[in-house]
Amino acid sequence: MLGSGRGEVLESVDFDLERLGLQMKVLVPEGISVSTAQAYRGIVPKEPEMRIRDILALPPERWKGLLVNDFEQTVFSEHKELAAIRQSLYDSGAVYAAMSGSGSALFGLYRY
């Protein structure tokens, strides 16, 4: 789902990993606690370069740098190990990797 407004307006998105030839790997690091309040304090609202719907229409290999989780900058500066885990997902062949929500779980999308 895509959320707009304050997150209360939801639109369905046709996103089928299997149809796209993708599988998802989710990592939940033990012992890393991210403060949701601190993560939100670090958000600086800005207009995105592209609409999320337009980015999702691109092949996932093109999402890096376009489909951005704004929490990552703040959270990764506080928890450098999470940035390293995301990089390890790319290093292991993920076509796209990101932190889920305000952290600390991360996911990678892989072609199969």
PDB file of N, CA and C in Angstrom:
ATOM      1  N   MET A   1       0.843  -1.174   0.000  1.00  0.00           N
ATOM      2  CA  MET A   1       0.000   0.000   0.000  1.00  0.00           C
ATOM      3  C   MET A   1       0.892   1.242   0.000  1.00  0.00           C
ATOM      4  N   LEU A   2       0.411   2.268  -0.659  1.00  0.00           N
ATOM      5  CA  LEU A   2       1.078   3.567  -0.615  1.00  0.00           C
ATOM      6  C   LEU A   2       0.245   4.482   0.258  1.00  0.00           C
ATOM      7  N   GLY A   3       0.892   5.135   1.210  1.00  0.00           N
ATOM      8  CA  GLY A   3       0.196   6.048   2.099  1.00  0.00           C
ATOM      9  C   GLY A   3       0.445   7.481   1.700  1.00  0.00           C
ATOM     10  N   SER A   4      -0.587   8.299   1.838  1.00  0.00           N
ATOM     11  CA  SER A   4      -0.433   9.727   1.591  1.00  0.00           C
ATOM     12  C   SER A   4      -1.170  10.481   2.681  1.00  0.00           C
ATOM     13  N   GLY A   5      -1.160  11.810   2.559  1.00  0.00           N
ATOM     14  CA  GLY A   5      -1.722  12.621   3.635  1.00  0.00           C
ATOM     15  C   GLY A   5      -0.824  12.471   4.848  1.00  0.00           C
ATOM     16  N   ARG A   6      -1.419  12.112   5.961  1.00  0.00           N
ATOM     17  CA  ARG A   6      -0.633  11.828   7.166  1.00  0.00           C
ATOM     18  C   ARG A   6      -0.462  10.322   7.344  1.00  0.00           C
ATOM     19  N   GLY A   7      -0.681   9.601   6.233  1.00  0.00           N
ATOM     20  CA  GLY A   7      -0.597   8.148   6.257  1.00  0.00           C
ATOM     21  C   GLY A   7      -1.955   7.495   6.330  1.00  0.00           C
ATOM     22  N   GLU A   8      -3.004   8.307   6.372  1.00  0.00           N
ATOM     23  CA  GLU A   8      -4.357   7.758   6.524  1.00  0.00           C
ATOM     24  C   GLU A   8      -5.016   7.433   5.176  1.00  0.00           C
ATOM     25  N   VAL A   9      -4.467   7.936   4.072  1.00  0.00           N
ATOM     26  CA  VAL A   9      -5.009   7.652   2.755  1.00  0.00           C
ATOM     27  C   VAL A   9      -4.147   6.565   2.123  1.00  0.00           C
ATOM     28  N   LEU A  10      -4.740   5.392   1.888  1.00  0.00           N
ATOM     29  CA  LEU A  10      -3.979   4.253   1.378  1.00  0.00           C
ATOM     30  C   LEU A  10      -4.451   3.871  -0.012  1.00  0.00           C
ATOM     31  N   GLU A  11      -3.484   3.597  -0.888  1.00  0.00           N
ATOM     32  CA  GLU A  11      -3.759   3.137  -2.240  1.00  0.00           C
ATOM     33  C   GLU A  11      -3.069   1.796  -2.447  1.00  0.00           C
ATOM     34  N   SER A  12      -3.761   0.892  -3.097  1.00  0.00           N
ATOM     35  CA  SER A  12      -3.200  -0.416  -3.390  1.00  0.00           C
ATOM     36  C   SER A  12      -2.131  -0.299  -4.476  1.00  0.00           C
ATOM     37  N   VAL A  13      -1.105  -1.127  -4.362  1.00  0.00           N
ATOM     38  CA  VAL A  13      -0.031  -1.184  -5.353  1.00  0.00           C
ATOM     39  C   VAL A  13       0.093  -2.635  -5.804  1.00  0.00           C
ATOM     40  N   ASP A  14       0.126  -2.836  -7.103  1.00  0.00           N
ATOM     41  CA  ASP A  14       0.310  -4.180  -7.643  1.00  0.00           C
ATOM     42  C   ASP A  14       1.800  -4.491  -7.619  1.00  0.00           C
ATOM     43  N   PHE A  15       2.226  -5.226  -6.601  1.00  0.00           N
ATOM     44  CA  PHE A  15       3.642  -5.528  -6.442  1.00  0.00           C
ATOM     45  C   PHE A  15       3.771  -6.992  -6.050  1.00  0.00           C
ATOM     46  N   ASP A  16       4.045  -7.825  -7.017  1.00  0.00           N
ATOM     47  CA  ASP A  16       4.118  -9.269  -6.820  1.00  0.00           C
ATOM     48  C   ASP A  16       5.570  -9.716  -6.997  1.00  0.00           C
ATOM     49  N   LEU A  17       6.230 -10.020  -5.876  1.00  0.00           N
ATOM     50  CA  LEU A  17       7.645 -10.405  -5.930  1.00  0.00           C
ATOM     51  C   LEU A  17       7.879 -11.576  -6.878  1.00  0.00           C
ATOM     52  N   GLU A  18       7.028 -12.585  -6.803  1.00  0.00           N
ATOM     53  CA  GLU A  18       7.222 -13.766  -7.641  1.00  0.00           C
ATOM     54  C   GLU A  18       7.109 -13.408  -9.124  1.00  0.00           C
ATOM     55  N   ARG A  19       6.108 -12.606  -9.472  1.00  0.00           N
ATOM     56  CA  ARG A  19       5.926 -12.198 -10.867  1.00  0.00           C
ATOM     57  C   ARG A  19       7.140 -11.409 -11.361  1.00  0.00           C
ATOM     58  N   LEU A  20       7.755 -10.638 -10.460  1.00  0.00           N
ATOM     59  CA  LEU A  20       8.935  -9.851 -10.813  1.00  0.00           C
ATOM     60  C   LEU A  20      10.231 -10.650 -10.777  1.00  0.00           C
ATOM     61  N   GLY A  21      10.144 -11.920 -10.373  1.00  0.00           N
ATOM     62  CA  GLY A  21      11.341 -12.754 -10.287  1.00  0.00           C
ATOM     63  C   GLY A  21      12.237 -12.380  -9.132  1.00  0.00           C
ATOM     64  N   LEU A  22      11.614 -11.947  -8.024  1.00  0.00           N
ATOM     65  CA  LEU A  22      12.369 -11.496  -6.861  1.00  0.00           C
ATOM     66  C   LEU A  22      12.025 -12.323  -5.630  1.00  0.00           C
ATOM     67  N   GLN A  23      12.984 -12.424  -4.760  1.00  0.00           N
ATOM     68  CA  GLN A  23      12.721 -12.954  -3.425  1.00  0.00           C
ATOM     69  C   GLN A  23      13.282 -11.975  -2.407  1.00  0.00           C
ATOM     70  N   MET A  24      12.674 -11.959  -1.236  1.00  0.00           N
ATOM     71  CA  MET A  24      13.070 -11.009  -0.202  1.00  0.00           C
ATOM     72  C   MET A  24      13.759 -11.744   0.941  1.00  0.00           C
ATOM     73  N   LYS A  25      14.842 -11.145   1.401  1.00  0.00           N
ATOM     74  CA  LYS A  25      15.551 -11.629   2.586  1.00  0.00           C
ATOM     75  C   LYS A  25      15.413 -10.538   3.638  1.00  0.00           C
ATOM     76  N   VAL A  26      14.923 -10.909   4.822  1.00  0.00           N
ATOM     77  CA  VAL A  26      14.731  -9.950   5.908  1.00  0.00           C
ATOM     78  C   VAL A  26      15.708 -10.275   7.023  1.00  0.00           C
ATOM     79  N   LEU A  27      16.379  -9.250   7.527  1.00  0.00           N
ATOM     80  CA  LEU A  27      17.309  -9.413   8.646  1.00  0.00           C
ATOM     81  C   LEU A  27      16.837  -8.558   9.815  1.00  0.00           C
ATOM     82  N   VAL A  28      16.764  -9.167  10.977  1.00  0.00           N
ATOM     83  CA  VAL A  28      16.409  -8.446  12.197  1.00  0.00           C
ATOM     84  C   VAL A  28      17.582  -8.621  13.154  1.00  0.00           C
ATOM     85  N   PRO A  29      18.482  -7.645  13.177  1.00  0.00           N
ATOM     86  CA  PRO A  29      19.678  -7.767  14.009  1.00  0.00           C
ATOM     87  C   PRO A  29      19.328  -7.835  15.498  1.00  0.00           C
ATOM     88  N   GLU A  30      19.964  -8.760  16.186  1.00  0.00           N
ATOM     89  CA  GLU A  30      19.760  -8.868  17.635  1.00  0.00           C
ATOM     90  C   GLU A  30      20.552  -7.788  18.364  1.00  0.00           C
ATOM     91  N   GLY A  31      19.967  -7.286  19.433  1.00  0.00           N
ATOM     92  CA  GLY A  31      20.672  -6.373  20.317  1.00  0.00           C
ATOM     93  C   GLY A  31      20.776  -4.939  19.834  1.00  0.00           C
ATOM     94  N   ILE A  32      20.107  -4.605  18.737  1.00  0.00           N
ATOM     95  CA  ILE A  32      20.130  -3.222  18.251  1.00  0.00           C
ATOM     96  C   ILE A  32      18.735  -2.653  18.421  1.00  0.00           C
ATOM     97  N   SER A  33      18.629  -1.668  19.277  1.00  0.00           N
ATOM     98  CA  SER A  33      17.344  -1.039  19.543  1.00  0.00           C
ATOM     99  C   SER A  33      17.361   0.381  18.992  1.00  0.00           C
ATOM    100  N   VAL A  34      16.400   0.673  18.127  1.00  0.00           N
ATOM    101  CA  VAL A  34      16.298   2.001  17.532  1.00  0.00           C
ATOM    102  C   VAL A  34      15.154   2.743  18.206  1.00  0.00           C
ATOM    103  N   SER A  35      15.425   3.917  18.689  1.00  0.00           N
ATOM    104  CA  SER A  35      14.395   4.762  19.291  1.00  0.00           C
ATOM    105  C   SER A  35      13.534   5.354  18.179  1.00  0.00           C
ATOM    106  N   THR A  36      12.264   4.979  18.149  1.00  0.00           N
ATOM    107  CA  THR A  36      11.356   5.514  17.136  1.00  0.00           C
ATOM    108  C   THR A  36      11.246   7.027  17.264  1.00  0.00           C
ATOM    109  N   ALA A  37      11.164   7.522  18.491  1.00  0.00           N
ATOM    110  CA  ALA A  37      11.058   8.971  18.706  1.00  0.00           C
ATOM    111  C   ALA A  37      12.283   9.682  18.137  1.00  0.00           C
ATOM    112  N   GLN A  38      13.469   9.143  18.395  1.00  0.00           N
ATOM    113  CA  GLN A  38      14.691   9.760  17.878  1.00  0.00           C
ATOM    114  C   GLN A  38      14.729   9.680  16.350  1.00  0.00           C
ATOM    115  N   ALA A  39      14.293   8.564  15.798  1.00  0.00           N
ATOM    116  CA  ALA A  39      14.279   8.420  14.345  1.00  0.00           C
ATOM    117  C   ALA A  39      13.375   9.478  13.720  1.00  0.00           C
ATOM    118  N   TYR A  40      12.200   9.697  14.305  1.00  0.00           N
ATOM    119  CA  TYR A  40      11.279  10.715  13.773  1.00  0.00           C
ATOM    120  C   TYR A  40      11.827  12.126  13.939  1.00  0.00           C
ATOM    121  N   ARG A  41      12.542  12.379  15.028  1.00  0.00           N
ATOM    122  CA  ARG A  41      13.119  13.719  15.233  1.00  0.00           C
ATOM    123  C   ARG A  41      14.135  14.069  14.153  1.00  0.00           C
ATOM    124  N   GLY A  42      14.752  13.064  13.568  1.00  0.00           N
ATOM    125  CA  GLY A  42      15.770  13.313  12.550  1.00  0.00           C
ATOM    126  C   GLY A  42      15.219  13.521  11.151  1.00  0.00           C
ATOM    127  N   ILE A  43      13.921  13.355  10.964  1.00  0.00           N
ATOM    128  CA  ILE A  43      13.322  13.504   9.633  1.00  0.00           C
ATOM    129  C   ILE A  43      13.179  14.979   9.280  1.00  0.00           C
ATOM    130  N   VAL A  44      13.651  15.321   8.099  1.00  0.00           N
ATOM    131  CA  VAL A  44      13.478  16.670   7.564  1.00  0.00           C
ATOM    132  C   VAL A  44      12.621  16.525   6.301  1.00  0.00           C
ATOM    133  N   PRO A  45      11.345  16.940   6.373  1.00  0.00           N
ATOM    134  CA  PRO A  45      10.469  16.769   5.206  1.00  0.00           C
ATOM    135  C   PRO A  45      11.018  17.493   3.970  1.00  0.00           C
ATOM    136  N   LYS A  46      10.931  16.802   2.837  1.00  0.00           N
ATOM    137  CA  LYS A  46      11.346  17.407   1.576  1.00  0.00           C
ATOM    138  C   LYS A  46      10.576  16.743   0.445  1.00  0.00           C
ATOM    139  N   GLU A  47      10.484  17.438  -0.637  1.00  0.00           N
ATOM    140  CA  GLU A  47       9.789  16.915  -1.811  1.00  0.00           C
ATOM    141  C   GLU A  47      10.697  15.886  -2.492  1.00  0.00           C
ATOM    142  N   PRO A  48      10.202  14.682  -2.755  1.00  0.00           N
ATOM    143  CA  PRO A  48      11.045  13.665  -3.404  1.00  0.00           C
ATOM    144  C   PRO A  48      11.308  14.016  -4.864  1.00  0.00           C
ATOM    145  N   GLU A  49      12.404  13.478  -5.391  1.00  0.00           N
ATOM    146  CA  GLU A  49      12.743  13.702  -6.797  1.00  0.00           C
ATOM    147  C   GLU A  49      11.711  13.063  -7.725  1.00  0.00           C
ATOM    148  N   MET A  50      11.233  11.891  -7.330  1.00  0.00           N
ATOM    149  CA  MET A  50      10.238  11.157  -8.122  1.00  0.00           C
ATOM    150  C   MET A  50       9.156  10.639  -7.190  1.00  0.00           C
ATOM    151  N   ARG A  51       7.965  10.484  -7.718  1.00  0.00           N
ATOM    152  CA  ARG A  51       6.883   9.880  -6.934  1.00  0.00           C
ATOM    153  C   ARG A  51       7.186   8.395  -6.714  1.00  0.00           C
ATOM    154  N   ILE A  52       6.829   7.879  -5.555  1.00  0.00           N
ATOM    155  CA  ILE A  52       7.104   6.476  -5.239  1.00  0.00           C
ATOM    156  C   ILE A  52       6.466   5.552  -6.269  1.00  0.00           C
ATOM    157  N   ARG A  53       5.252   5.855  -6.667  1.00  0.00           N
ATOM    158  CA  ARG A  53       4.571   5.014  -7.669  1.00  0.00           C
ATOM    159  C   ARG A  53       5.404   4.940  -8.955  1.00  0.00           C
ATOM    160  N   ASP A  54       6.024   6.047  -9.364  1.00  0.00           N
ATOM    161  CA  ASP A  54       6.851   6.056 -10.577  1.00  0.00           C
ATOM    162  C   ASP A  54       8.136   5.256 -10.376  1.00  0.00           C
ATOM    163  N   ILE A  55       8.702   5.339  -9.189  1.00  0.00           N
ATOM    164  CA  ILE A  55       9.914   4.561  -8.897  1.00  0.00           C
ATOM    165  C   ILE A  55       9.595   3.068  -8.919  1.00  0.00           C
ATOM    166  N   LEU A  56       8.479   2.688  -8.298  1.00  0.00           N
ATOM    167  CA  LEU A  56       8.107   1.275  -8.246  1.00  0.00           C
ATOM    168  C   LEU A  56       7.817   0.702  -9.627  1.00  0.00           C
ATOM    169  N   ALA A  57       7.516   1.552 -10.604  1.00  0.00           N
ATOM    170  CA  ALA A  57       7.285   1.094 -11.970  1.00  0.00           C
ATOM    171  C   ALA A  57       8.595   0.756 -12.687  1.00  0.00           C
ATOM    172  N   LEU A  58       9.716   1.221 -12.128  1.00  0.00           N
ATOM    173  CA  LEU A  58      11.035   0.930 -12.700  1.00  0.00           C
ATOM    174  C   LEU A  58      11.497  -0.454 -12.253  1.00  0.00           C
ATOM    175  N   PRO A  59      12.446  -1.051 -12.981  1.00  0.00           N
ATOM    176  CA  PRO A  59      13.030  -2.301 -12.498  1.00  0.00           C
ATOM    177  C   PRO A  59      13.710  -2.056 -11.139  1.00  0.00           C
ATOM    178  N   PRO A  60      13.590  -2.993 -10.198  1.00  0.00           N
ATOM    179  CA  PRO A  60      14.191  -2.808  -8.867  1.00  0.00           C
ATOM    180  C   PRO A  60      15.679  -2.487  -8.887  1.00  0.00           C
ATOM    181  N   GLU A  61      16.380  -2.913  -9.918  1.00  0.00           N
ATOM    182  CA  GLU A  61      17.803  -2.591 -10.031  1.00  0.00           C
ATOM    183  C   GLU A  61      18.038  -1.082 -10.122  1.00  0.00           C
ATOM    184  N   ARG A  62      17.021  -0.309 -10.449  1.00  0.00           N
ATOM    185  CA  ARG A  62      17.167   1.148 -10.583  1.00  0.00           C
ATOM    186  C   ARG A  62      16.701   1.904  -9.347  1.00  0.00           C
ATOM    187  N   TRP A  63      16.185   1.208  -8.337  1.00  0.00           N
ATOM    188  CA  TRP A  63      15.625   1.883  -7.166  1.00  0.00           C
ATOM    189  C   TRP A  63      16.668   2.518  -6.259  1.00  0.00           C
ATOM    190  N   LYS A  64      17.866   1.940  -6.202  1.00  0.00           N
ATOM    191  CA  LYS A  64      18.900   2.455  -5.296  1.00  0.00           C
ATOM    192  C   LYS A  64      19.142   3.930  -5.581  1.00  0.00           C
ATOM    193  N   GLY A  65      19.067   4.745  -4.542  1.00  0.00           N
ATOM    194  CA  GLY A  65      19.243   6.177  -4.685  1.00  0.00           C
ATOM    195  C   GLY A  65      17.966   6.920  -5.031  1.00  0.00           C
ATOM    196  N   LEU A  66      16.935   6.197  -5.485  1.00  0.00           N
ATOM    197  CA  LEU A  66      15.652   6.813  -5.812  1.00  0.00           C
ATOM    198  C   LEU A  66      14.597   6.505  -4.759  1.00  0.00           C
ATOM    199  N   LEU A  67      14.499   5.235  -4.384  1.00  0.00           N
ATOM    200  CA  LEU A  67      13.529   4.805  -3.374  1.00  0.00           C
ATOM    201  C   LEU A  67      14.252   4.828  -2.030  1.00  0.00           C
ATOM    202  N   VAL A  68      14.062   5.923  -1.305  1.00  0.00           N
ATOM    203  CA  VAL A  68      14.869   6.203  -0.121  1.00  0.00           C
ATOM    204  C   VAL A  68      14.001   6.173   1.132  1.00  0.00           C
ATOM    205  N   ASN A  69      14.493   5.485   2.152  1.00  0.00           N
ATOM    206  CA  ASN A  69      13.856   5.521   3.465  1.00  0.00           C
ATOM    207  C   ASN A  69      14.502   6.684   4.219  1.00  0.00           C
ATOM    208  N   ASP A  70      13.727   7.745   4.439  1.00  0.00           N
ATOM    209  CA  ASP A  70      14.280   8.947   5.076  1.00  0.00           C
ATOM    210  C   ASP A  70      14.788   8.700   6.497  1.00  0.00           C
ATOM    211  N   PHE A  71      14.368   7.626   7.142  1.00  0.00           N
ATOM    212  CA  PHE A  71      14.858   7.308   8.478  1.00  0.00           C
ATOM    213  C   PHE A  71      16.313   6.850   8.451  1.00  0.00           C
ATOM    214  N   GLU A  72      16.768   6.300   7.330  1.00  0.00           N
ATOM    215  CA  GLU A  72      18.103   5.710   7.287  1.00  0.00           C
ATOM    216  C   GLU A  72      19.210   6.696   7.650  1.00  0.00           C
ATOM    217  N   GLN A  73      19.140   7.906   7.175  1.00  0.00           N
ATOM    218  CA  GLN A  73      20.225   8.859   7.447  1.00  0.00           C
ATOM    219  C   GLN A  73      20.428   9.041   8.943  1.00  0.00           C
ATOM    220  N   THR A  74      19.358   9.296   9.670  1.00  0.00           N
ATOM    221  CA  THR A  74      19.452   9.504  11.120  1.00  0.00           C
ATOM    222  C   THR A  74      19.844   8.221  11.842  1.00  0.00           C
ATOM    223  N   VAL A  75      19.148   7.129  11.519  1.00  0.00           N
ATOM    224  CA  VAL A  75      19.382   5.865  12.217  1.00  0.00           C
ATOM    225  C   VAL A  75      20.777   5.326  11.921  1.00  0.00           C
ATOM    226  N   PHE A  76      21.211   5.391  10.661  1.00  0.00           N
ATOM    227  CA  PHE A  76      22.537   4.880  10.311  1.00  0.00           C
ATOM    228  C   PHE A  76      23.658   5.694  10.960  1.00  0.00           C
ATOM    229  N   SER A  77      23.429   6.985  11.181  1.00  0.00           N
ATOM    230  CA  SER A  77      24.473   7.779  11.846  1.00  0.00           C
ATOM    231  C   SER A  77      24.619   7.369  13.308  1.00  0.00           C
ATOM    232  N   GLU A  78      23.533   6.900  13.905  1.00  0.00           N
ATOM    233  CA  GLU A  78      23.544   6.445  15.303  1.00  0.00           C
ATOM    234  C   GLU A  78      23.951   4.976  15.418  1.00  0.00           C
ATOM    235  N   HIS A  79      23.593   4.174  14.413  1.00  0.00           N
ATOM    236  CA  HIS A  79      23.838   2.721  14.423  1.00  0.00           C
ATOM    237  C   HIS A  79      24.550   2.337  13.130  1.00  0.00           C
ATOM    238  N   LYS A  80      25.841   2.582  13.093  1.00  0.00           N
ATOM    239  CA  LYS A  80      26.625   2.334  11.881  1.00  0.00           C
ATOM    240  C   LYS A  80      26.588   0.865  11.454  1.00  0.00           C
ATOM    241  N   GLU A  81      26.352  -0.022  12.409  1.00  0.00           N
ATOM    242  CA  GLU A  81      26.281  -1.440  12.082  1.00  0.00           C
ATOM    243  C   GLU A  81      25.087  -1.742  11.180  1.00  0.00           C
ATOM    244  N   LEU A  82      24.015  -0.953  11.279  1.00  0.00           N
ATOM    245  CA  LEU A  82      22.863  -1.159  10.399  1.00  0.00           C
ATOM    246  C   LEU A  82      23.203  -0.750   8.969  1.00  0.00           C
ATOM    247  N   ALA A  83      23.944   0.326   8.806  1.00  0.00           N
ATOM    248  CA  ALA A  83      24.406   0.729   7.469  1.00  0.00           C
ATOM    249  C   ALA A  83      25.299  -0.365   6.882  1.00  0.00           C
ATOM    250  N   ALA A  84      26.133  -0.964   7.722  1.00  0.00           N
ATOM    251  CA  ALA A  84      27.023  -2.036   7.259  1.00  0.00           C
ATOM    252  C   ALA A  84      26.220  -3.269   6.855  1.00  0.00           C
ATOM    253  N   ILE A  85      25.157  -3.564   7.574  1.00  0.00           N
ATOM    254  CA  ILE A  85      24.314  -4.707   7.221  1.00  0.00           C
ATOM    255  C   ILE A  85      23.630  -4.459   5.880  1.00  0.00           C
ATOM    256  N   ARG A  86      23.110  -3.235   5.680  1.00  0.00           N
ATOM    257  CA  ARG A  86      22.492  -2.933   4.381  1.00  0.00           C
ATOM    258  C   ARG A  86      23.518  -3.116   3.269  1.00  0.00           C
ATOM    259  N   GLN A  87      24.748  -2.615   3.481  1.00  0.00           N
ATOM    260  CA  GLN A  87      25.788  -2.776   2.462  1.00  0.00           C
ATOM    261  C   GLN A  87      26.092  -4.253   2.227  1.00  0.00           C
ATOM    262  N   SER A  88      26.055  -5.062   3.288  1.00  0.00           N
ATOM    263  CA  SER A  88      26.327  -6.499   3.122  1.00  0.00           C
ATOM    264  C   SER A  88      25.244  -7.167   2.273  1.00  0.00           C
ATOM    265  N   LEU A  89      24.008  -6.655   2.349  1.00  0.00           N
ATOM    266  CA  LEU A  89      22.952  -7.185   1.483  1.00  0.00           C
ATOM    267  C   LEU A  89      23.284  -6.898   0.022  1.00  0.00           C
ATOM    268  N   TYR A  90      23.724  -5.667  -0.274  1.00  0.00           N
ATOM    269  CA  TYR A  90      24.142  -5.347  -1.641  1.00  0.00           C
ATOM    270  C   TYR A  90      25.343  -6.202  -2.047  1.00  0.00           C
ATOM    271  N   ASP A  91      26.305  -6.344  -1.150  1.00  0.00           N
ATOM    272  CA  ASP A  91      27.505  -7.120  -1.458  1.00  0.00           C
ATOM    273  C   ASP A  91      27.189  -8.586  -1.758  1.00  0.00           C
ATOM    274  N   SER A  92      26.089  -9.083  -1.175  1.00  0.00           N
ATOM    275  CA  SER A  92      25.706 -10.481  -1.398  1.00  0.00           C
ATOM    276  C   SER A  92      24.787 -10.645  -2.601  1.00  0.00           C
ATOM    277  N   GLY A  93      24.565  -9.562  -3.358  1.00  0.00           N
ATOM    278  CA  GLY A  93      23.816  -9.683  -4.606  1.00  0.00           C
ATOM    279  C   GLY A  93      22.426  -9.071  -4.626  1.00  0.00           C
ATOM    280  N   ALA A  94      22.008  -8.402  -3.560  1.00  0.00           N
ATOM    281  CA  ALA A  94      20.689  -7.764  -3.564  1.00  0.00           C
ATOM    282  C   ALA A  94      20.638  -6.712  -4.664  1.00  0.00           C
ATOM    283  N   VAL A  95      19.508  -6.658  -5.372  1.00  0.00           N
ATOM    284  CA  VAL A  95      19.328  -5.612  -6.382  1.00  0.00           C
ATOM    285  C   VAL A  95      18.820  -4.331  -5.726  1.00  0.00           C
ATOM    286  N   TYR A  96      18.240  -4.460  -4.513  1.00  0.00           N
ATOM    287  CA  TYR A  96      17.810  -3.311  -3.728  1.00  0.00           C
ATOM    288  C   TYR A  96      17.810  -3.732  -2.269  1.00  0.00           C
ATOM    289  N   ALA A  97      18.212  -2.826  -1.398  1.00  0.00           N
ATOM    290  CA  ALA A  97      18.215  -3.104   0.040  1.00  0.00           C
ATOM    291  C   ALA A  97      17.878  -1.826   0.783  1.00  0.00           C
ATOM    292  N   ALA A  98      17.193  -1.980   1.913  1.00  0.00           N
ATOM    293  CA  ALA A  98      16.804  -0.811   2.706  1.00  0.00           C
ATOM    294  C   ALA A  98      16.450  -1.247   4.115  1.00  0.00           C
ATOM    295  N   MET A  99      16.342  -0.256   4.982  1.00  0.00           N
ATOM    296  CA  MET A  99      15.832  -0.477   6.327  1.00  0.00           C
ATOM    297  C   MET A  99      14.311  -0.443   6.234  1.00  0.00           C
ATOM    298  N   SER A 100      13.671  -1.258   7.020  1.00  0.00           N
ATOM    299  CA  SER A 100      12.213  -1.297   7.044  1.00  0.00           C
ATOM    300  C   SER A 100      11.695  -0.325   8.092  1.00  0.00           C
ATOM    301  N   GLY A 101      10.894   0.632   7.688  1.00  0.00           N
ATOM    302  CA  GLY A 101      10.320   1.595   8.626  1.00  0.00           C
ATOM    303  C   GLY A 101      11.399   2.385   9.334  1.00  0.00           C
ATOM    304  N   SER A 102      11.219   2.562  10.653  1.00  0.00           N
ATOM    305  CA  SER A 102      12.182   3.349  11.428  1.00  0.00           C
ATOM    306  C   SER A 102      13.279   2.487  12.031  1.00  0.00           C
ATOM    307  N   GLY A 103      13.351   1.214  11.643  1.00  0.00           N
ATOM    308  CA  GLY A 103      14.442   0.328  12.057  1.00  0.00           C
ATOM    309  C   GLY A 103      14.015  -0.613  13.162  1.00  0.00           C
ATOM    310  N   SER A 104      14.803  -1.592  13.424  1.00  0.00           N
ATOM    311  CA  SER A 104      16.131  -1.884  12.937  1.00  0.00           C
ATOM    312  C   SER A 104      16.169  -3.002  11.899  1.00  0.00           C
ATOM    313  N   ALA A 105      15.010  -3.529  11.504  1.00  0.00           N
ATOM    314  CA  ALA A 105      14.981  -4.584  10.486  1.00  0.00           C
ATOM    315  C   ALA A 105      15.399  -4.020   9.124  1.00  0.00           C
ATOM    316  N   LEU A 106      16.070  -4.868   8.346  1.00  0.00           N
ATOM    317  CA  LEU A 106      16.487  -4.506   6.986  1.00  0.00           C
ATOM    318  C   LEU A 106      16.050  -5.617   6.040  1.00  0.00           C
ATOM    319  N   PHE A 107      15.931  -5.274   4.763  1.00  0.00           N
ATOM    320  CA  PHE A 107      15.561  -6.298   3.784  1.00  0.00           C
ATOM    321  C   PHE A 107      16.357  -6.075   2.504  1.00  0.00           C
ATOM    322  N   GLY A 108      16.516  -7.163   1.781  1.00  0.00           N
ATOM    323  CA  GLY A 108      17.138  -7.109   0.460  1.00  0.00           C
ATOM    324  C   GLY A 108      16.272  -7.850  -0.527  1.00  0.00           C
ATOM    325  N   LEU A 109      16.213  -7.347  -1.737  1.00  0.00           N
ATOM    326  CA  LEU A 109      15.509  -8.012  -2.831  1.00  0.00           C
ATOM    327  C   LEU A 109      16.539  -8.634  -3.760  1.00  0.00           C
ATOM    328  N   TYR A 110      16.338  -9.900  -4.079  1.00  0.00           N
ATOM    329  CA  TYR A 110      17.271 -10.661  -4.900  1.00  0.00           C
ATOM    330  C   TYR A 110      16.565 -11.246  -6.108  1.00  0.00           C
ATOM    331  N   ARG A 111      17.247 -11.258  -7.238  1.00  0.00           N
ATOM    332  CA  ARG A 111      16.754 -11.959  -8.423  1.00  0.00           C
ATOM    333  C   ARG A 111      17.000 -13.453  -8.242  1.00  0.00           C
ATOM    334  N   TYR A 112      16.092 -14.240  -8.731  1.00  0.00           N
ATOM    335  CA  TYR A 112      16.323 -15.697  -8.720  1.00  0.00           C
ATOM    336  C   TYR A 112      16.169 -16.262 -10.103  1.00  0.00           C
TER     337      TYR A 112
END
